[in-house]
Amino acid sequence: MSEAVSRWQDEFTRALDEHLVAGEEAALLGAYDLGRKALAQGLGVLDVATLLHEALLQACQRAQSPEESLRMVHASRDFMLECLSPFEMAYRGVGEANTALRGLNELLEEQIRRISHELHDQAGQLLVSVYLALDDVGRSLPSRARERVLGIRGLLDKIEDQLRHLSHELRPTMLDDLGLGPALELLAKNTSARNGLAVTVEVVPSERFSPRVEVAVYRIVQEALNNASKHARAARVAIRLHRDDRKICCSIHDDGVGFDPDAVLARGGPHGIGLIGIRERLAPLGGALQILSSPGTGTELLITVPCDATGVER
C-alpha cells in the first residue's frame, strides 16, 4: 500500500467502526461521502477496496467470537457498497461520455469528408468555369488588358492550389478512392514539404481495409506526425503498415528527443491529450496502443487492430 493510500486508512477504519456500532442511515451517507472524497483525491477503486479490506480485518480481529465476526462481515456490506458507489457512477459517466464522444467523432469525420469533397470537386468545377469565362473575355480584349487577365489566371491558380491543399489536409479523396497506403504516402509527402521532416512509408501488402479502420489509422498517423514535428523535434519518421495474421499493425517511429510516457499521460497537456485521443480512436475497434519511448531515445508508437473486430475486407 502506497503512503498516499495509507494516509486514508484511519479514516476508513473509523468510519466502518462507527457503522458497525450504530448501523444508521447517517453512517451510510458518510460512507458515500468518504468514497466521493477518495475519488476526488485520485484514489482508485482497488485502493479503496484495499482500505475497506484492512478496516474490516481490523474489526474482525477485535470480535469476541466467530459469530460476531460473521455478523460484522454481513453488516459491513452496505457500508462498502456506499463507499464504492461513487466509483461506479464515475465509471458509468465516463462510459456514456466516451460513447457520446465517439458518436460525435464519427459525425465530425463525415462532415469533414463532405467538406473536403466539396472543396475538391465543386470548388474545382467553379474555377474551371471562371477559367473558361476569362479565356472568352480575353480573346476580345487588347493585348495590354489581356495581360491583366493572365495575371488574374495566375491568382486563380494559387487559389486552386490552396483549395486542393486544404482538401487534402481535411481528408484526402485518395483515402476513399485508393485506400490507406496511397493516402499515407500523400500525407508523408505533404508533411515533409511543410515541416521538413523526412518521412518514409512502407505498406506491406497494399490492400484495402474497412473505411472505419482506414480513417482511424490515417488520423492516428496524422496525429503522430504532428507530435513528431511539434514536440519531439524529430528529423526522420518511419511509418510501416502491415498485416500480421489476424492483426493490422502500424508502427510510427521517430528519432526525436523522446519522453516518459507515464509522466506525459499523467500530467496531460497537448502531447498527452494527443496520445489519449489515439487510444480513444482505437478503443471502438478493439485496437491497442503501445508507446516505446524514453528521454533521448526517440519514440515508437505500435498500433494493432484485430481483423475480426474491424470488418476488414477480404
Protein backbone atom coordinates (compact mmCIF):
# COMPACT_ATOMS: atom_id res chain seq x y z
CA MET A 1 0.00 0.00 0.00
CA SER A 2 1.43 3.38 -1.00
CA GLU A 3 1.94 6.17 1.51
CA ALA A 4 -0.73 8.30 -0.18
CA VAL A 5 -3.28 5.49 0.25
CA SER A 6 -2.21 4.50 3.78
CA ARG A 7 -2.98 8.03 5.00
CA TRP A 8 -6.64 7.23 4.41
CA GLN A 9 -6.61 4.05 6.47
CA ASP A 10 -7.54 5.60 9.85
CA GLU A 11 -10.45 7.47 8.27
CA PHE A 12 -11.89 4.35 6.61
CA THR A 13 -11.35 2.24 9.73
CA ARG A 14 -13.05 4.80 11.97
CA ALA A 15 -16.00 5.21 9.60
CA LEU A 16 -16.54 1.44 9.35
CA ASP A 17 -16.34 1.05 13.14
CA GLU A 18 -18.98 3.76 13.58
CA HIS A 19 -21.22 2.00 11.08
CA LEU A 20 -20.81 -1.39 12.80
CA VAL A 21 -21.75 0.16 16.14
CA ALA A 22 -24.59 2.44 15.04
CA GLY A 23 -25.70 0.98 11.71
CA GLU A 24 -27.70 4.12 10.98
CA GLU A 25 -28.55 5.79 7.67
CA ALA A 26 -26.29 8.71 8.54
CA ALA A 27 -23.30 6.35 8.65
CA LEU A 28 -24.12 5.14 5.13
CA LEU A 29 -24.33 8.72 3.90
CA GLY A 30 -20.94 9.29 5.46
CA ALA A 31 -19.62 6.20 3.64
CA TYR A 32 -20.78 7.60 0.30
CA ASP A 33 -19.18 10.96 1.08
CA LEU A 34 -15.95 9.22 2.10
CA GLY A 35 -15.85 7.33 -1.22
CA ARG A 36 -16.56 10.54 -3.11
CA LYS A 37 -13.69 12.36 -1.38
CA ALA A 38 -11.33 9.45 -2.06
CA LEU A 39 -12.27 9.52 -5.73
CA ALA A 40 -11.72 13.29 -5.89
CA GLN A 41 -8.26 12.86 -4.36
CA GLY A 42 -7.22 10.43 -7.07
CA LEU A 43 -7.61 7.08 -5.29
CA GLY A 44 -8.63 4.17 -7.49
CA VAL A 45 -11.25 1.53 -6.84
CA LEU A 46 -8.56 -1.01 -5.96
CA ASP A 47 -7.09 1.42 -3.44
CA VAL A 48 -10.47 1.84 -1.73
CA ALA A 49 -11.11 -1.90 -1.82
CA THR A 50 -7.76 -2.43 -0.05
CA LEU A 51 -8.63 0.17 2.59
CA LEU A 52 -12.03 -1.43 3.20
CA HIS A 53 -10.49 -4.89 3.44
CA GLU A 54 -7.97 -3.72 6.03
CA ALA A 55 -10.66 -1.86 8.02
CA LEU A 56 -12.88 -4.96 8.08
CA LEU A 57 -9.94 -7.18 9.01
CA GLN A 58 -9.14 -4.98 11.98
CA ALA A 59 -12.77 -5.01 13.10
CA CYS A 60 -12.99 -8.83 12.85
CA GLN A 61 -9.79 -9.25 14.86
CA ARG A 62 -11.47 -7.44 17.74
CA ALA A 63 -14.54 -9.70 17.63
CA GLN A 64 -15.15 -11.88 20.68
CA SER A 65 -16.41 -14.87 18.72
CA PRO A 66 -16.66 -16.27 15.18
CA GLU A 67 -20.37 -15.45 15.25
CA GLU A 68 -19.68 -11.78 16.00
CA SER A 69 -17.05 -11.69 13.26
CA LEU A 70 -19.55 -13.12 10.76
CA ARG A 71 -22.10 -10.51 11.83
CA MET A 72 -19.58 -7.75 11.16
CA VAL A 73 -18.89 -9.09 7.68
CA HIS A 74 -22.60 -9.06 6.83
CA ALA A 75 -23.15 -5.68 8.47
CA SER A 76 -20.30 -4.08 6.51
CA ARG A 77 -21.80 -4.94 3.12
CA ASP A 78 -23.93 -1.81 2.69
CA PHE A 79 -21.13 0.39 4.01
CA MET A 80 -18.69 -0.97 1.43
CA LEU A 81 -21.18 -0.62 -1.39
CA GLU A 82 -21.79 3.01 -0.46
CA CYS A 83 -18.04 3.70 -0.38
CA LEU A 84 -17.64 2.21 -3.85
CA SER A 85 -20.79 3.68 -5.41
CA PRO A 86 -19.09 6.98 -6.44
CA PHE A 87 -16.62 4.94 -8.45
CA GLU A 88 -19.46 3.04 -10.14
CA MET A 89 -21.18 6.32 -11.01
CA ALA A 90 -17.93 7.77 -12.36
CA TYR A 91 -17.30 4.63 -14.42
CA ARG A 92 -20.75 4.78 -15.97
CA GLY A 93 -20.40 8.50 -16.60
CA VAL A 94 -17.10 8.01 -18.39
CA GLY A 95 -18.59 5.21 -20.47
CA GLU A 96 -21.53 7.37 -21.51
CA ALA A 97 -19.22 10.30 -22.28
CA ASN A 98 -16.96 8.08 -24.38
CA THR A 99 -19.95 6.73 -26.31
CA ALA A 100 -21.16 10.26 -26.99
CA LEU A 101 -17.66 11.38 -27.97
CA ARG A 102 -17.23 8.50 -30.42
CA GLY A 103 -20.56 9.33 -32.00
CA LEU A 104 -19.50 12.97 -32.27
CA ASN A 105 -16.18 11.96 -33.82
CA GLU A 106 -17.97 9.88 -36.45
CA LEU A 107 -20.29 12.79 -37.20
CA LEU A 108 -17.37 15.20 -37.47
CA GLU A 109 -15.48 12.78 -39.70
CA GLU A 110 -18.45 12.56 -42.04
CA GLN A 111 -18.76 16.37 -42.15
CA ILE A 112 -15.01 16.66 -42.81
CA ARG A 113 -15.34 14.16 -45.66
CA ARG A 114 -18.23 16.11 -47.17
CA ILE A 115 -16.44 19.50 -46.90
CA SER A 116 -13.23 18.02 -48.32
CA HIS A 117 -15.06 16.61 -51.33
CA GLU A 118 -16.93 19.89 -51.85
CA LEU A 119 -13.63 21.80 -51.88
CA HIS A 120 -12.05 19.30 -54.23
CA ASP A 121 -14.93 18.74 -56.64
CA GLN A 122 -17.42 21.61 -56.53
CA ALA A 123 -14.96 24.45 -56.00
CA GLY A 124 -12.71 22.95 -58.67
CA GLN A 125 -15.56 22.89 -61.17
CA LEU A 126 -16.41 26.53 -60.42
CA LEU A 127 -12.81 27.53 -61.02
CA VAL A 128 -12.84 25.74 -64.38
CA SER A 129 -15.90 27.81 -65.33
CA VAL A 130 -14.08 31.00 -64.31
CA TYR A 131 -11.04 29.99 -66.40
CA LEU A 132 -13.24 29.44 -69.45
CA ALA A 133 -15.02 32.77 -68.92
CA LEU A 134 -11.69 34.61 -68.63
CA ASP A 135 -10.44 32.98 -71.81
CA ASP A 136 -13.60 34.06 -73.60
CA VAL A 137 -13.29 37.64 -72.33
CA GLY A 138 -9.55 37.76 -73.03
CA ARG A 139 -9.96 37.00 -76.71
CA SER A 140 -11.92 40.22 -77.25
CA LEU A 141 -9.54 42.48 -75.29
CA PRO A 142 -6.50 44.42 -76.46
CA SER A 143 -3.12 42.91 -75.67
CA ARG A 144 -2.45 45.05 -72.56
CA ALA A 145 -5.78 44.14 -70.99
CA ARG A 146 -5.22 40.52 -71.98
CA GLU A 147 -2.01 40.53 -69.91
CA ARG A 148 -4.01 41.67 -66.87
CA VAL A 149 -6.42 38.78 -67.42
CA LEU A 150 -3.45 36.42 -67.48
CA GLY A 151 -2.41 37.87 -64.12
CA ILE A 152 -5.86 37.06 -62.77
CA ARG A 153 -5.43 33.49 -64.02
CA GLY A 154 -2.22 33.30 -62.02
CA LEU A 155 -4.13 34.29 -58.88
CA LEU A 156 -6.76 31.68 -59.63
CA ASP A 157 -4.02 29.08 -59.97
CA LYS A 158 -2.85 29.93 -56.47
CA ILE A 159 -6.42 29.72 -55.16
CA GLU A 160 -6.82 26.31 -56.80
CA ASP A 161 -3.60 25.08 -55.19
CA GLN A 162 -4.73 26.33 -51.77
CA LEU A 163 -8.14 24.68 -52.12
CA ARG A 164 -6.52 21.40 -53.13
CA HIS A 165 -4.14 21.64 -50.18
CA LEU A 166 -6.99 22.36 -47.73
CA SER A 167 -8.98 19.46 -49.15
CA HIS A 168 -6.08 17.06 -48.64
CA GLU A 169 -5.42 18.39 -45.14
CA LEU A 170 -9.04 17.82 -44.13
CA ARG A 171 -9.34 14.39 -45.71
CA PRO A 172 -7.67 13.33 -48.93
CA THR A 173 -10.07 11.96 -51.53
CA MET A 174 -7.32 9.41 -52.16
CA LEU A 175 -8.22 7.78 -48.81
CA ASP A 176 -11.71 6.98 -50.12
CA ASP A 177 -10.71 6.28 -53.71
CA LEU A 178 -7.40 4.40 -53.46
CA GLY A 179 -7.09 3.41 -49.81
CA LEU A 180 -4.86 3.86 -46.80
CA GLY A 181 -1.47 3.21 -48.39
CA PRO A 182 -1.60 5.96 -51.06
CA ALA A 183 -3.24 8.34 -48.57
CA LEU A 184 -0.38 7.83 -46.09
CA GLU A 185 2.17 8.41 -48.84
CA LEU A 186 0.47 11.70 -49.73
CA LEU A 187 0.34 12.66 -46.04
CA ALA A 188 4.05 11.93 -45.70
CA LYS A 189 4.85 14.00 -48.80
CA ASN A 190 2.83 16.99 -47.59
CA THR A 191 4.27 16.76 -44.06
CA SER A 192 7.81 16.66 -45.43
CA ALA A 193 7.16 19.69 -47.61
CA ARG A 194 5.53 21.65 -44.80
CA ASN A 195 7.70 20.75 -41.79
CA GLY A 196 10.95 19.48 -43.29
CA LEU A 197 10.52 16.02 -41.77
CA ALA A 198 11.98 13.12 -43.74
CA VAL A 199 9.01 10.74 -43.69
CA THR A 200 9.11 7.25 -45.20
CA VAL A 201 6.09 4.98 -45.66
CA GLU A 202 6.09 1.21 -46.13
CA VAL A 203 2.80 -0.61 -46.66
CA VAL A 204 3.02 -4.44 -46.88
CA PRO A 205 0.91 -5.59 -48.60
CA SER A 206 -1.08 -2.82 -50.20
CA GLU A 207 -4.71 -3.78 -49.53
CA ARG A 208 -8.00 -2.14 -48.65
CA PHE A 209 -9.39 -2.21 -45.13
CA SER A 210 -12.81 -1.21 -43.85
CA PRO A 211 -13.50 2.56 -44.04
CA ARG A 212 -13.59 2.91 -40.23
CA VAL A 213 -10.17 1.30 -39.89
CA GLU A 214 -8.63 3.32 -42.71
CA VAL A 215 -9.91 6.62 -41.28
CA ALA A 216 -8.80 5.73 -37.73
CA VAL A 217 -5.27 4.71 -38.77
CA TYR A 218 -4.91 7.74 -41.05
CA ARG A 219 -5.90 10.12 -38.22
CA ILE A 220 -3.56 8.35 -35.79
CA VAL A 221 -0.61 8.67 -38.17
CA GLN A 222 -1.56 12.31 -38.78
CA GLU A 223 -1.52 12.96 -35.01
CA ALA A 224 1.78 11.08 -34.60
CA LEU A 225 3.43 13.18 -37.33
CA ASN A 226 2.11 16.33 -35.69
CA ASN A 227 3.62 15.23 -32.36
CA ALA A 228 6.93 14.32 -34.01
CA SER A 229 7.16 17.77 -35.55
CA LYS A 230 5.91 19.95 -32.69
CA HIS A 231 7.03 18.08 -29.58
CA ALA A 232 9.71 15.52 -30.48
CA ARG A 233 11.75 17.85 -32.73
CA ALA A 234 12.42 14.83 -34.93
CA ALA A 235 14.30 14.86 -38.24
CA ARG A 236 13.09 11.49 -39.55
CA VAL A 237 9.92 9.45 -39.17
CA ALA A 238 9.36 5.91 -40.48
CA ILE A 239 5.82 4.58 -40.93
CA ARG A 240 5.23 0.88 -41.53
CA LEU A 241 1.82 -0.73 -42.04
CA HIS A 242 1.36 -4.46 -42.43
CA ARG A 243 -0.99 -7.30 -41.67
CA ASP A 244 0.18 -9.92 -39.19
CA ASP A 245 -2.08 -12.98 -39.17
CA ARG A 246 -5.32 -11.60 -37.71
CA LYS A 247 -4.00 -8.18 -36.78
CA ILE A 248 -3.42 -4.93 -38.63
CA CYS A 249 -0.17 -3.45 -37.36
CA CYS A 250 1.15 0.09 -37.79
CA SER A 251 4.44 1.45 -36.47
CA ILE A 252 5.35 5.16 -36.36
CA HIS A 253 8.99 5.61 -35.32
CA ASP A 254 10.74 8.98 -34.96
CA ASP A 255 14.29 9.95 -33.99
CA GLY A 256 13.22 12.82 -31.74
CA VAL A 257 14.01 13.70 -28.13
CA GLY A 258 11.73 11.03 -26.64
CA PHE A 259 9.74 11.30 -23.40
CA ASP A 260 8.46 9.40 -20.38
CA PRO A 261 5.03 8.09 -21.49
CA ASP A 262 3.68 7.58 -17.95
CA ALA A 263 4.65 11.09 -16.87
CA VAL A 264 3.22 12.74 -20.00
CA LEU A 265 -0.09 10.86 -19.77
CA ALA A 266 -0.36 11.63 -16.05
CA ARG A 267 0.04 15.39 -16.38
CA GLY A 268 -1.95 15.79 -19.60
CA GLY A 269 -1.05 18.70 -21.84
CA PRO A 270 -1.25 18.77 -25.68
CA HIS A 271 1.08 15.78 -26.10
CA GLY A 272 -0.79 13.69 -23.53
CA ILE A 273 -4.17 14.65 -24.96
CA GLY A 274 -3.00 13.56 -28.41
CA LEU A 275 -1.99 10.12 -27.10
CA ILE A 276 -5.29 9.76 -25.24
CA GLY A 277 -7.09 10.69 -28.45
CA ILE A 278 -5.23 7.93 -30.29
CA ARG A 279 -6.35 5.39 -27.70
CA GLU A 280 -9.92 6.63 -27.99
CA ARG A 281 -9.85 6.13 -31.75
CA LEU A 282 -8.61 2.56 -31.27
CA ALA A 283 -11.00 1.58 -28.46
CA PRO A 284 -14.20 1.08 -30.52
CA LEU A 285 -12.20 -1.04 -32.99
CA GLY A 286 -10.78 -3.27 -30.27
CA GLY A 287 -7.33 -1.90 -31.03
CA ALA A 288 -4.39 -1.18 -28.74
CA LEU A 289 -1.56 1.33 -28.50
CA GLN A 290 1.93 0.63 -27.18
CA ILE A 291 4.31 3.54 -26.61
CA LEU A 292 8.04 2.83 -26.67
CA SER A 293 9.99 5.89 -25.62
CA SER A 294 12.31 7.41 -23.06
CA PRO A 295 14.14 10.74 -22.94
CA GLY A 296 16.81 10.90 -25.64
CA THR A 297 15.85 7.69 -27.47
CA GLY A 298 13.11 8.75 -29.89
CA THR A 299 9.57 7.38 -29.89
CA GLU A 300 7.79 4.45 -31.50
CA LEU A 301 4.03 4.06 -31.49
CA LEU A 302 2.86 0.49 -32.11
CA ILE A 303 -0.78 0.23 -33.15
CA THR A 304 -2.65 -3.06 -33.51
CA VAL A 305 -6.24 -3.67 -34.58
CA PRO A 306 -7.72 -7.18 -34.68
CA CYS A 307 -9.04 -8.01 -38.12
CA ASP A 308 -12.07 -9.92 -36.86
CA ALA A 309 -13.22 -6.88 -34.89
CA THR A 310 -12.96 -4.35 -37.71
CA GLY A 311 -14.80 -5.81 -40.67
CA VAL A 312 -11.66 -5.89 -42.77
CA GLU A 313 -12.48 -6.54 -46.41
CA ARG A 314 -11.06 -9.89 -47.51
